[in-house]
Every structure is written in C-alpha cells, then in structure tokens.
Amino acid sequence: MDHVGRIFRPPSEADSLLLQISVGCSHNKCTYCAMYELDEQRFRVKPMGTITADIEEAAGYGAAGIPVRRVFLCDGDALILPTDHLAEILEMLHRKIPSVRRVGIYGDARSILRKSPDELARLKELGLGIVYHGVESGDDRVLERVVKGSTAAEAVAAAGRLREAGIRHSVMVMLGLGGVEGSARHASRTAEILTAMDPPFVGALTTTIIPGTPLATEQDEGRFTLPDRWGLLEELRVLVRDSEFSRCRFHSNHASNYLPLSLNLPADRQKALDALDKVLTARDESDLRPDYLRGL
C-alpha cells in the first residue's frame, strides 16, 4: 500500500483497510494539531492510478485468507475531495473487493456542507457508511481561537445533512480545549451542540499540548492553561449530565483520557455520573490512567 507520511485513523477503524486517497489536511490550521506537519504531508489528492493499484493489492488479500470487510479513506478530511472522484473510488472498491461492508472517512463541517444532500446520498448508495467529524467544541469563542474553520451552527447543519443522507455520524470533542478560564463555558456549550446534533457516536478526547504547535506557544507565553485532571473530569461530567441523545454510544476511552468510559446514553447516564462523582470526591490519582499509559 502506498502510504505517505503518518497515517491516522479513528480507534474504531483499527481493523479496517487504510486506503490513503489524499495526503494531509486541506485546512491544517487548527492550533492544537500536529498530525500533518511533515513537508511530505502537504495537502494533495493522490493520483487515481496510485489508488487503483492499492485497491488491486487489497483485492488479493481475500485470496490469502484476509477478507477486507471495512475500509477507511485517509487522510485528514478526505471528504473534501470532489464527489465524482470519491464516487469513482467507492465504485472501484465495490467492484474489486465485494467483501467490503462499510467505508468510513474523516470529514468536517466545511467538507460536509460543500456536498449537497443528493451528493451525500449518492456516496451513501455507493457504500460510504460513516463520517468521523472533529467538532471539538460547541463554543464559538473556542472554535475561533483554535482556528477550527467552522462554527457551532455549521456543525449542527452538517449533522442534519448527514442524517438526511442516511450516513452515520461519529463526533469527536476535546476536553480542556477552552482552557481553565473558558472551561465551564466550553463544557456547557459542547453539551448543547451534542444535543442539537444528536449523533449516534461521540468520542471525548483530552486536549494534549503538542510541542511546536501554536497552542503550545500560547501555553508557554501564559495565554493558555489546560485544566488539571480533575478539571477535565468535571468537563466530562457536564457532557454526560447535560447532553441529550436519542441513542448514543459515548466513549471517553481514547488513550489521552484519564478515566476511560464506554456508555450507552441516556441509559447509562446515572451510572456514569455516580462513577465520576466517586472519583471527583476521592481525588485519588490511583483511580486514573497514569500518564505513562496515556497517548501523549
């Protein structure tokens, strides 16, 4: 497989074929992110010939006893690619690897809203089953400061468009992204946006300060302070308490998190709040994932 630079995928795509159809991220301005910082990861669409060769290679896995059931299309916001281009790839996957049951992709509010409902429905018909969307925060002040490139209202609109097309939506939010000063507002507004979006999957990650990023510079200059582990758990508690979902699989089990949770909401809400309250009352660090086991 032709993989350029570092390849990233959601935790739930661990067993998927990682098919890189674009390199890097078309936005690549978020102040907390260093995923696509390498020069070789400057955003570009990969040649169709390269993608075809990768699909043909993967088609041989079945004969070797390794059937491909799921495919994840990399890189950062591959949904930004033209619909006809994505459709050609999806059609080729269906034709060459009929064992594929679902295709996933990263997208954001910009890339989702650039597609019409009919375009998204076409991609759904061709096998696109889930879009992973880094919403990060429901607070427009935070989104503007971290140069997310979209607003809370646009994220809600994107959720509605995916729902209309029948494409499943997995949303990621970032604990601590509002800093100490904006922690309460960030948590409250994020619960509000999750309620408005009502996605079937949510992953809560913990903000990690990565050296060399603009957010790290803000921290070094005293303009940003990440909440401590207890402050981060207070934010998580607000999300669990205040987000209203029809039916959601809610995770905080990413490697960055101090307290892994895997919940069905709203059914598990009280159980989760009881567990969080117990940890927050005791403030015993042995209850938390140690730093050496966190994905820092």
C-alpha atoms as a PDB file:
ATOM      1  CA  MET A   1       0.000   0.000   0.000  1.00  0.00           C
ATOM      2  CA  ASP A   2       1.214   3.484  -0.828  1.00  0.00           C
ATOM      3  CA  HIS A   3       1.162   5.386   2.477  1.00  0.00           C
ATOM      4  CA  VAL A   4       2.701   8.857   2.546  1.00  0.00           C
ATOM      5  CA  GLY A   5       3.708  10.338   5.910  1.00  0.00           C
ATOM      6  CA  ARG A   6       1.992   9.342   9.142  1.00  0.00           C
ATOM      7  CA  ILE A   7      -1.377   7.676   8.801  1.00  0.00           C
ATOM      8  CA  PHE A   8      -4.127   8.415  11.322  1.00  0.00           C
ATOM      9  CA  ARG A   9      -7.462   6.684  11.768  1.00  0.00           C
ATOM     10  CA  PRO A  10     -10.223   6.563  14.402  1.00  0.00           C
ATOM     11  CA  PRO A  11      -9.846   3.889  17.107  1.00  0.00           C
ATOM     12  CA  SER A  12     -12.916   2.085  15.805  1.00  0.00           C
ATOM     13  CA  GLU A  13     -11.234   1.628  12.415  1.00  0.00           C
ATOM     14  CA  ALA A  14      -8.368  -0.422  13.876  1.00  0.00           C
ATOM     15  CA  ASP A  15      -9.215  -3.469  11.751  1.00  0.00           C
ATOM     16  CA  SER A  16     -10.022  -1.545   8.568  1.00  0.00           C
ATOM     17  CA  LEU A  17      -8.038  -1.342   5.372  1.00  0.00           C
ATOM     18  CA  LEU A  18      -6.440   2.126   5.420  1.00  0.00           C
ATOM     19  CA  LEU A  19      -6.687   3.445   1.884  1.00  0.00           C
ATOM     20  CA  GLN A  20      -4.958   6.819   1.531  1.00  0.00           C
ATOM     21  CA  ILE A  21      -6.758   8.778  -1.177  1.00  0.00           C
ATOM     22  CA  SER A  22      -5.409  12.209  -0.232  1.00  0.00           C
ATOM     23  CA  VAL A  23      -2.377  13.392   1.693  1.00  0.00           C
ATOM     24  CA  GLY A  24      -2.627  15.722   4.686  1.00  0.00           C
ATOM     25  CA  CYS A  25      -5.478  18.078   5.558  1.00  0.00           C
ATOM     26  CA  SER A  26      -6.885  20.801   3.310  1.00  0.00           C
ATOM     27  CA  HIS A  27      -7.358  23.110   6.311  1.00  0.00           C
ATOM     28  CA  ASN A  28      -4.374  22.214   8.515  1.00  0.00           C
ATOM     29  CA  LYS A  29      -4.602  25.393  10.615  1.00  0.00           C
ATOM     30  CA  CYS A  30      -6.017  24.123  13.926  1.00  0.00           C
ATOM     31  CA  THR A  31      -3.702  25.426  16.625  1.00  0.00           C
ATOM     32  CA  TYR A  32      -3.693  22.189  18.664  1.00  0.00           C
ATOM     33  CA  CYS A  33      -2.901  19.821  15.790  1.00  0.00           C
ATOM     34  CA  ALA A  34       0.425  18.482  14.544  1.00  0.00           C
ATOM     35  CA  MET A  35      -0.894  15.445  12.682  1.00  0.00           C
ATOM     36  CA  TYR A  36       0.083  16.670   9.242  1.00  0.00           C
ATOM     37  CA  GLU A  37       3.110  18.836   9.979  1.00  0.00           C
ATOM     38  CA  LEU A  38       5.618  16.992   7.772  1.00  0.00           C
ATOM     39  CA  ASP A  39       6.561  18.621   4.469  1.00  0.00           C
ATOM     40  CA  GLU A  40       5.674  15.404   2.647  1.00  0.00           C
ATOM     41  CA  GLN A  41       2.135  15.716   4.034  1.00  0.00           C
ATOM     42  CA  ARG A  42       1.287  18.945   2.251  1.00  0.00           C
ATOM     43  CA  PHE A  43      -2.315  18.541   1.154  1.00  0.00           C
ATOM     44  CA  ARG A  44      -2.872  16.964  -2.227  1.00  0.00           C
ATOM     45  CA  VAL A  45      -5.150  14.461  -3.934  1.00  0.00           C
ATOM     46  CA  LYS A  46      -3.380  11.222  -4.731  1.00  0.00           C
ATOM     47  CA  PRO A  47      -3.332  10.109  -8.381  1.00  0.00           C
ATOM     48  CA  MET A  48      -6.104   7.721  -9.304  1.00  0.00           C
ATOM     49  CA  GLY A  49      -3.512   5.317 -10.679  1.00  0.00           C
ATOM     50  CA  THR A  50      -1.925   5.009  -7.238  1.00  0.00           C
ATOM     51  CA  ILE A  51      -5.307   4.469  -5.593  1.00  0.00           C
ATOM     52  CA  THR A  52      -6.236   1.858  -8.196  1.00  0.00           C
ATOM     53  CA  ALA A  53      -3.007  -0.046  -7.557  1.00  0.00           C
ATOM     54  CA  ASP A  54      -3.682  -0.031  -3.804  1.00  0.00           C
ATOM     55  CA  ILE A  55      -7.231  -1.328  -4.288  1.00  0.00           C
ATOM     56  CA  GLU A  56      -5.997  -4.070  -6.595  1.00  0.00           C
ATOM     57  CA  GLU A  57      -3.384  -5.053  -3.996  1.00  0.00           C
ATOM     58  CA  ALA A  58      -6.057  -5.185  -1.305  1.00  0.00           C
ATOM     59  CA  ALA A  59      -8.286  -7.268  -3.571  1.00  0.00           C
ATOM     60  CA  GLY A  60      -5.696 -10.024  -3.287  1.00  0.00           C
ATOM     61  CA  TYR A  61      -5.976 -10.186   0.487  1.00  0.00           C
ATOM     62  CA  GLY A  62      -9.136 -12.260   0.292  1.00  0.00           C
ATOM     63  CA  ALA A  63      -7.392 -14.961  -1.696  1.00  0.00           C
ATOM     64  CA  ALA A  64      -4.753 -15.002   1.044  1.00  0.00           C
ATOM     65  CA  GLY A  65      -7.433 -15.607   3.677  1.00  0.00           C
ATOM     66  CA  ILE A  66      -7.666 -11.991   4.868  1.00  0.00           C
ATOM     67  CA  PRO A  67     -11.060 -10.710   3.668  1.00  0.00           C
ATOM     68  CA  VAL A  68     -11.495  -6.933   3.754  1.00  0.00           C
ATOM     69  CA  ARG A  69     -14.755  -6.014   5.492  1.00  0.00           C
ATOM     70  CA  ARG A  70     -14.169  -2.338   6.218  1.00  0.00           C
ATOM     71  CA  VAL A  71     -12.202   0.423   4.537  1.00  0.00           C
ATOM     72  CA  PHE A  72     -11.190   3.790   5.949  1.00  0.00           C
ATOM     73  CA  LEU A  73     -10.348   6.538   3.455  1.00  0.00           C
ATOM     74  CA  CYS A  74      -7.424   8.691   4.638  1.00  0.00           C
ATOM     75  CA  ASP A  75      -6.206  11.471   5.192  1.00  0.00           C
ATOM     76  CA  GLY A  76      -7.433  14.262   7.409  1.00  0.00           C
ATOM     77  CA  ASP A  77     -10.569  15.493   5.669  1.00  0.00           C
ATOM     78  CA  ALA A  78     -10.772  13.288   2.594  1.00  0.00           C
ATOM     79  CA  LEU A  79     -14.484  14.085   2.228  1.00  0.00           C
ATOM     80  CA  ILE A  80     -13.355  17.452   0.828  1.00  0.00           C
ATOM     81  CA  LEU A  81     -12.488  15.687  -2.448  1.00  0.00           C
ATOM     82  CA  PRO A  82     -14.895  16.131  -5.379  1.00  0.00           C
ATOM     83  CA  THR A  83     -17.940  13.886  -5.269  1.00  0.00           C
ATOM     84  CA  ASP A  84     -17.226  12.310  -8.673  1.00  0.00           C
ATOM     85  CA  HIS A  85     -13.718  11.414  -7.522  1.00  0.00           C
ATOM     86  CA  LEU A  86     -14.995   9.815  -4.315  1.00  0.00           C
ATOM     87  CA  ALA A  87     -17.729   8.013  -6.234  1.00  0.00           C
ATOM     88  CA  GLU A  88     -15.171   6.509  -8.606  1.00  0.00           C
ATOM     89  CA  ILE A  89     -13.175   5.177  -5.650  1.00  0.00           C
ATOM     90  CA  LEU A  90     -16.265   3.750  -3.940  1.00  0.00           C
ATOM     91  CA  GLU A  91     -17.415   2.090  -7.165  1.00  0.00           C
ATOM     92  CA  MET A  92     -13.979   0.553  -7.625  1.00  0.00           C
ATOM     93  CA  LEU A  93     -13.961  -0.783  -4.064  1.00  0.00           C
ATOM     94  CA  HIS A  94     -17.377  -2.387  -4.633  1.00  0.00           C
ATOM     95  CA  ARG A  95     -16.263  -3.912  -7.903  1.00  0.00           C
ATOM     96  CA  LYS A  96     -12.803  -5.102  -6.884  1.00  0.00           C
ATOM     97  CA  ILE A  97     -13.446  -6.034  -3.223  1.00  0.00           C
ATOM     98  CA  PRO A  98     -17.087  -7.180  -2.911  1.00  0.00           C
ATOM     99  CA  SER A  99     -16.445  -8.316   0.675  1.00  0.00           C
ATOM    100  CA  VAL A 100     -16.373  -4.659   1.855  1.00  0.00           C
ATOM    101  CA  ARG A 101     -19.395  -3.892   4.033  1.00  0.00           C
ATOM    102  CA  ARG A 102     -18.664  -0.315   5.103  1.00  0.00           C
ATOM    103  CA  VAL A 103     -16.441   2.594   4.147  1.00  0.00           C
ATOM    104  CA  GLY A 104     -15.552   5.383   6.584  1.00  0.00           C
ATOM    105  CA  ILE A 105     -13.929   8.771   6.129  1.00  0.00           C
ATOM    106  CA  TYR A 106     -12.862  11.883   8.055  1.00  0.00           C
ATOM    107  CA  GLY A 107     -14.922  14.977   7.300  1.00  0.00           C
ATOM    108  CA  ASP A 108     -15.613  18.329   8.939  1.00  0.00           C
ATOM    109  CA  ALA A 109     -18.366  20.903   8.705  1.00  0.00           C
ATOM    110  CA  ARG A 110     -16.666  22.517   5.697  1.00  0.00           C
ATOM    111  CA  SER A 111     -16.385  19.322   3.695  1.00  0.00           C
ATOM    112  CA  ILE A 112     -19.834  18.014   4.661  1.00  0.00           C
ATOM    113  CA  LEU A 113     -21.631  21.253   3.815  1.00  0.00           C
ATOM    114  CA  ARG A 114     -19.831  21.535   0.470  1.00  0.00           C
ATOM    115  CA  LYS A 115     -21.730  18.407  -0.539  1.00  0.00           C
ATOM    116  CA  SER A 116     -25.401  18.703  -1.441  1.00  0.00           C
ATOM    117  CA  PRO A 117     -27.899  16.280   0.122  1.00  0.00           C
ATOM    118  CA  ASP A 118     -28.079  14.500  -3.248  1.00  0.00           C
ATOM    119  CA  GLU A 119     -24.299  14.172  -3.432  1.00  0.00           C
ATOM    120  CA  LEU A 120     -24.106  12.692   0.061  1.00  0.00           C
ATOM    121  CA  ALA A 121     -26.989  10.327  -0.724  1.00  0.00           C
ATOM    122  CA  ARG A 122     -25.094   9.198  -3.832  1.00  0.00           C
ATOM    123  CA  LEU A 123     -21.991   8.448  -1.747  1.00  0.00           C
ATOM    124  CA  LYS A 124     -24.139   6.598   0.773  1.00  0.00           C
ATOM    125  CA  GLU A 125     -25.623   4.467  -2.011  1.00  0.00           C
ATOM    126  CA  LEU A 126     -22.098   3.621  -3.167  1.00  0.00           C
ATOM    127  CA  GLY A 127     -21.038   2.410   0.280  1.00  0.00           C
ATOM    128  CA  LEU A 128     -19.967   5.408   2.372  1.00  0.00           C
ATOM    129  CA  GLY A 129     -21.328   4.417   5.774  1.00  0.00           C
ATOM    130  CA  ILE A 130     -19.828   6.735   8.380  1.00  0.00           C
ATOM    131  CA  VAL A 131     -18.207  10.172   8.650  1.00  0.00           C
ATOM    132  CA  TYR A 132     -15.908  10.967  11.593  1.00  0.00           C
ATOM    133  CA  HIS A 133     -16.200  14.648  12.446  1.00  0.00           C
ATOM    134  CA  GLY A 134     -13.910  16.513  14.826  1.00  0.00           C
ATOM    135  CA  VAL A 135     -16.328  19.089  16.249  1.00  0.00           C
ATOM    136  CA  GLU A 136     -14.008  19.763  19.235  1.00  0.00           C
ATOM    137  CA  SER A 137     -16.191  22.380  20.963  1.00  0.00           C
ATOM    138  CA  GLY A 138     -19.638  23.913  20.894  1.00  0.00           C
ATOM    139  CA  ASP A 139     -18.240  27.289  21.961  1.00  0.00           C
ATOM    140  CA  ASP A 140     -17.665  29.604  19.002  1.00  0.00           C
ATOM    141  CA  ARG A 141     -15.098  31.577  21.019  1.00  0.00           C
ATOM    142  CA  VAL A 142     -13.012  28.418  21.361  1.00  0.00           C
ATOM    143  CA  LEU A 143     -13.514  27.424  17.719  1.00  0.00           C
ATOM    144  CA  GLU A 144     -12.355  30.859  16.550  1.00  0.00           C
ATOM    145  CA  ARG A 145      -9.339  30.867  18.867  1.00  0.00           C
ATOM    146  CA  VAL A 146      -8.127  27.455  17.717  1.00  0.00           C
ATOM    147  CA  VAL A 147      -8.780  28.374  14.039  1.00  0.00           C
ATOM    148  CA  LYS A 148     -11.146  25.462  13.503  1.00  0.00           C
ATOM    149  CA  GLY A 149     -12.518  26.986  10.318  1.00  0.00           C
ATOM    150  CA  SER A 150     -16.181  26.394  11.143  1.00  0.00           C
ATOM    151  CA  THR A 151     -18.815  27.395  13.673  1.00  0.00           C
ATOM    152  CA  ALA A 152     -21.084  25.523  16.052  1.00  0.00           C
ATOM    153  CA  ALA A 153     -24.090  26.296  13.858  1.00  0.00           C
ATOM    154  CA  GLU A 154     -22.304  24.848  10.833  1.00  0.00           C
ATOM    155  CA  ALA A 155     -21.532  21.669  12.771  1.00  0.00           C
ATOM    156  CA  VAL A 156     -25.217  21.282  13.621  1.00  0.00           C
ATOM    157  CA  ALA A 157     -26.156  21.847   9.980  1.00  0.00           C
ATOM    158  CA  ALA A 158     -23.596  19.249   8.903  1.00  0.00           C
ATOM    159  CA  ALA A 159     -25.129  16.708  11.272  1.00  0.00           C
ATOM    160  CA  GLY A 160     -28.535  17.313   9.759  1.00  0.00           C
ATOM    161  CA  ARG A 161     -27.221  16.883   6.243  1.00  0.00           C
ATOM    162  CA  LEU A 162     -25.568  13.561   7.061  1.00  0.00           C
ATOM    163  CA  ARG A 163     -28.729  12.376   8.798  1.00  0.00           C
ATOM    164  CA  GLU A 164     -30.782  13.296   5.725  1.00  0.00           C
ATOM    165  CA  ALA A 165     -28.426  11.240   3.558  1.00  0.00           C
ATOM    166  CA  GLY A 166     -28.557   8.254   5.908  1.00  0.00           C
ATOM    167  CA  ILE A 167     -24.833   8.378   6.690  1.00  0.00           C
ATOM    168  CA  ARG A 168     -23.827   7.589  10.268  1.00  0.00           C
ATOM    169  CA  HIS A 169     -22.020  10.340  12.142  1.00  0.00           C
ATOM    170  CA  SER A 170     -19.291   9.927  14.742  1.00  0.00           C
ATOM    171  CA  VAL A 171     -18.410  13.143  16.574  1.00  0.00           C
ATOM    172  CA  MET A 172     -15.222  13.935  18.475  1.00  0.00           C
ATOM    173  CA  VAL A 173     -14.961  16.633  21.148  1.00  0.00           C
ATOM    174  CA  MET A 174     -11.921  17.769  23.126  1.00  0.00           C
ATOM    175  CA  LEU A 175     -11.921  18.108  26.904  1.00  0.00           C
ATOM    176  CA  GLY A 176      -9.906  21.094  28.071  1.00  0.00           C
ATOM    177  CA  LEU A 177      -9.821  22.989  24.783  1.00  0.00           C
ATOM    178  CA  GLY A 178     -11.329  26.085  26.398  1.00  0.00           C
ATOM    179  CA  GLY A 179      -8.505  26.263  28.929  1.00  0.00           C
ATOM    180  CA  VAL A 180      -9.048  26.929  32.624  1.00  0.00           C
ATOM    181  CA  GLU A 181     -10.678  30.307  32.024  1.00  0.00           C
ATOM    182  CA  GLY A 182     -13.186  29.014  29.483  1.00  0.00           C
ATOM    183  CA  SER A 183     -13.668  25.525  30.908  1.00  0.00           C
ATOM    184  CA  ALA A 184     -17.239  25.868  32.169  1.00  0.00           C
ATOM    185  CA  ARG A 185     -18.485  27.622  29.048  1.00  0.00           C
ATOM    186  CA  HIS A 186     -16.699  25.151  26.761  1.00  0.00           C
ATOM    187  CA  ALA A 187     -18.246  22.163  28.538  1.00  0.00           C
ATOM    188  CA  SER A 188     -21.730  23.683  28.653  1.00  0.00           C
ATOM    189  CA  ARG A 189     -21.744  24.785  25.004  1.00  0.00           C
ATOM    190  CA  THR A 190     -20.330  21.436  23.909  1.00  0.00           C
ATOM    191  CA  ALA A 191     -23.159  19.618  25.688  1.00  0.00           C
ATOM    192  CA  GLU A 192     -25.576  21.934  23.893  1.00  0.00           C
ATOM    193  CA  ILE A 193     -24.128  21.235  20.463  1.00  0.00           C
ATOM    194  CA  LEU A 194     -24.081  17.479  21.065  1.00  0.00           C
ATOM    195  CA  THR A 195     -27.756  17.676  21.991  1.00  0.00           C
ATOM    196  CA  ALA A 196     -28.514  19.635  18.824  1.00  0.00           C
ATOM    197  CA  MET A 197     -26.508  17.260  16.618  1.00  0.00           C
ATOM    198  CA  ASP A 198     -27.765  14.069  18.328  1.00  0.00           C
ATOM    199  CA  PRO A 199     -25.118  11.796  16.753  1.00  0.00           C
ATOM    200  CA  PRO A 200     -25.130   8.017  17.299  1.00  0.00           C
ATOM    201  CA  PHE A 201     -21.454   8.043  18.323  1.00  0.00           C
ATOM    202  CA  VAL A 202     -19.421  10.502  20.410  1.00  0.00           C
ATOM    203  CA  GLY A 203     -15.794  10.298  21.452  1.00  0.00           C
ATOM    204  CA  ALA A 204     -14.452  12.648  24.133  1.00  0.00           C
ATOM    205  CA  LEU A 205     -10.677  13.137  23.866  1.00  0.00           C
ATOM    206  CA  THR A 206      -8.407  15.080  26.182  1.00  0.00           C
ATOM    207  CA  THR A 207      -6.525  18.044  24.734  1.00  0.00           C
ATOM    208  CA  THR A 208      -2.822  17.289  24.601  1.00  0.00           C
ATOM    209  CA  ILE A 209      -0.328  20.140  24.251  1.00  0.00           C
ATOM    210  CA  ILE A 210       1.992  19.136  21.431  1.00  0.00           C
ATOM    211  CA  PRO A 211       5.381  20.902  21.286  1.00  0.00           C
ATOM    212  CA  GLY A 212       5.758  23.175  18.282  1.00  0.00           C
ATOM    213  CA  THR A 213       2.057  23.880  17.829  1.00  0.00           C
ATOM    214  CA  PRO A 214       0.575  27.376  18.209  1.00  0.00           C
ATOM    215  CA  LEU A 215      -1.343  26.130  21.262  1.00  0.00           C
ATOM    216  CA  ALA A 216       1.933  25.107  22.886  1.00  0.00           C
ATOM    217  CA  THR A 217       3.247  28.624  22.234  1.00  0.00           C
ATOM    218  CA  GLU A 218       0.151  30.061  23.896  1.00  0.00           C
ATOM    219  CA  GLN A 219       0.816  27.867  26.908  1.00  0.00           C
ATOM    220  CA  ASP A 220       4.485  28.847  27.053  1.00  0.00           C
ATOM    221  CA  GLU A 221       3.529  32.532  26.949  1.00  0.00           C
ATOM    222  CA  GLY A 222       0.924  32.131  29.691  1.00  0.00           C
ATOM    223  CA  ARG A 223      -2.052  32.743  27.381  1.00  0.00           C
ATOM    224  CA  PHE A 224      -3.481  29.235  27.745  1.00  0.00           C
ATOM    225  CA  THR A 225      -3.635  26.905  30.724  1.00  0.00           C
ATOM    226  CA  LEU A 226      -5.002  23.398  30.365  1.00  0.00           C
ATOM    227  CA  PRO A 227      -7.319  22.359  33.224  1.00  0.00           C
ATOM    228  CA  ASP A 228      -5.819  19.804  35.591  1.00  0.00           C
ATOM    229  CA  ARG A 229      -7.041  16.207  35.519  1.00  0.00           C
ATOM    230  CA  TRP A 230      -9.876  16.965  37.942  1.00  0.00           C
ATOM    231  CA  GLY A 231     -10.978  19.951  35.886  1.00  0.00           C
ATOM    232  CA  LEU A 232     -11.010  17.763  32.792  1.00  0.00           C
ATOM    233  CA  LEU A 233     -13.177  15.213  34.576  1.00  0.00           C
ATOM    234  CA  GLU A 234     -15.553  17.996  35.654  1.00  0.00           C
ATOM    235  CA  GLU A 235     -15.964  18.843  31.956  1.00  0.00           C
ATOM    236  CA  LEU A 236     -16.605  15.191  31.138  1.00  0.00           C
ATOM    237  CA  ARG A 237     -19.262  15.119  33.864  1.00  0.00           C
ATOM    238  CA  VAL A 238     -21.039  18.098  32.292  1.00  0.00           C
ATOM    239  CA  LEU A 239     -21.091  16.354  28.915  1.00  0.00           C
ATOM    240  CA  VAL A 240     -22.539  13.169  30.390  1.00  0.00           C
ATOM    241  CA  ARG A 241     -25.064  15.052  32.533  1.00  0.00           C
ATOM    242  CA  ASP A 242     -26.294  17.676  30.086  1.00  0.00           C
ATOM    243  CA  SER A 243     -26.069  16.127  26.604  1.00  0.00           C
ATOM    244  CA  GLU A 244     -29.444  14.761  25.493  1.00  0.00           C
ATOM    245  CA  PHE A 245     -29.254  11.949  22.945  1.00  0.00           C
ATOM    246  CA  SER A 246     -31.849   9.778  21.290  1.00  0.00           C
ATOM    247  CA  ARG A 247     -29.416   6.878  21.405  1.00  0.00           C
ATOM    248  CA  CYS A 248     -25.669   7.341  21.572  1.00  0.00           C
ATOM    249  CA  ARG A 249     -22.584   5.240  22.132  1.00  0.00           C
ATOM    250  CA  PHE A 250     -20.440   7.646  24.148  1.00  0.00           C
ATOM    251  CA  HIS A 251     -16.754   6.913  24.728  1.00  0.00           C
ATOM    252  CA  SER A 252     -14.022   8.561  26.732  1.00  0.00           C
ATOM    253  CA  ASN A 253     -11.676   5.621  26.295  1.00  0.00           C
ATOM    254  CA  HIS A 254      -9.214   7.316  23.944  1.00  0.00           C
ATOM    255  CA  ALA A 255      -5.606   6.868  25.037  1.00  0.00           C
ATOM    256  CA  SER A 256      -5.416  10.559  26.001  1.00  0.00           C
ATOM    257  CA  ASN A 257      -8.108  10.292  28.692  1.00  0.00           C
ATOM    258  CA  TYR A 258      -7.633   9.898  32.431  1.00  0.00           C
ATOM    259  CA  LEU A 259     -10.854   7.977  33.064  1.00  0.00           C
ATOM    260  CA  PRO A 260     -11.974   5.561  30.332  1.00  0.00           C
ATOM    261  CA  LEU A 261     -15.741   5.255  29.987  1.00  0.00           C
ATOM    262  CA  SER A 262     -17.837   3.420  27.435  1.00  0.00           C
ATOM    263  CA  LEU A 263     -21.510   4.281  27.757  1.00  0.00           C
ATOM    264  CA  ASN A 264     -24.882   3.867  26.139  1.00  0.00           C
ATOM    265  CA  LEU A 265     -26.628   7.180  26.645  1.00  0.00           C
ATOM    266  CA  PRO A 266     -29.059   8.041  28.003  1.00  0.00           C
ATOM    267  CA  ALA A 267     -29.415   4.588  29.612  1.00  0.00           C
ATOM    268  CA  ASP A 268     -26.042   4.676  31.426  1.00  0.00           C
ATOM    269  CA  ARG A 269     -26.166   8.330  32.464  1.00  0.00           C
ATOM    270  CA  GLN A 270     -26.732   7.873  36.196  1.00  0.00           C
ATOM    271  CA  LYS A 271     -24.243   5.037  36.480  1.00  0.00           C
ATOM    272  CA  ALA A 272     -21.612   7.192  34.798  1.00  0.00           C
ATOM    273  CA  LEU A 273     -22.378  10.229  36.948  1.00  0.00           C
ATOM    274  CA  ASP A 274     -22.093   8.103  40.083  1.00  0.00           C
ATOM    275  CA  ALA A 275     -18.694   6.811  38.939  1.00  0.00           C
ATOM    276  CA  LEU A 276     -17.474  10.312  38.096  1.00  0.00           C
ATOM    277  CA  ASP A 277     -18.716  11.728  41.392  1.00  0.00           C
ATOM    278  CA  LYS A 278     -16.916   8.989  43.301  1.00  0.00           C
ATOM    279  CA  VAL A 279     -13.638   9.738  41.539  1.00  0.00           C
ATOM    280  CA  LEU A 280     -14.022  13.510  41.823  1.00  0.00           C
ATOM    281  CA  THR A 281     -14.821  13.278  45.534  1.00  0.00           C
ATOM    282  CA  ALA A 282     -11.902  10.972  46.364  1.00  0.00           C
ATOM    283  CA  ARG A 283      -9.380  12.752  44.118  1.00  0.00           C
ATOM    284  CA  ASP A 284      -7.185   9.687  44.312  1.00  0.00           C
ATOM    285  CA  GLU A 285      -4.793   9.584  41.359  1.00  0.00           C
ATOM    286  CA  SER A 286      -4.667   5.792  41.562  1.00  0.00           C
ATOM    287  CA  ASP A 287      -8.221   5.826  40.156  1.00  0.00           C
ATOM    288  CA  LEU A 288      -6.944   7.432  36.964  1.00  0.00           C
ATOM    289  CA  ARG A 289      -4.967   6.183  33.993  1.00  0.00           C
ATOM    290  CA  PRO A 290      -1.315   7.097  34.702  1.00  0.00           C
ATOM    291  CA  ASP A 291       0.438   9.475  32.360  1.00  0.00           C
ATOM    292  CA  TYR A 292       2.841   6.804  31.106  1.00  0.00           C
ATOM    293  CA  LEU A 293      -0.135   4.858  29.751  1.00  0.00           C
ATOM    294  CA  ARG A 294      -1.784   7.860  28.112  1.00  0.00           C
ATOM    295  CA  GLY A 295      -1.227   8.551  24.433  1.00  0.00           C
ATOM    296  CA  LEU A 296       0.750  11.751  24.872  1.00  0.00           C
END
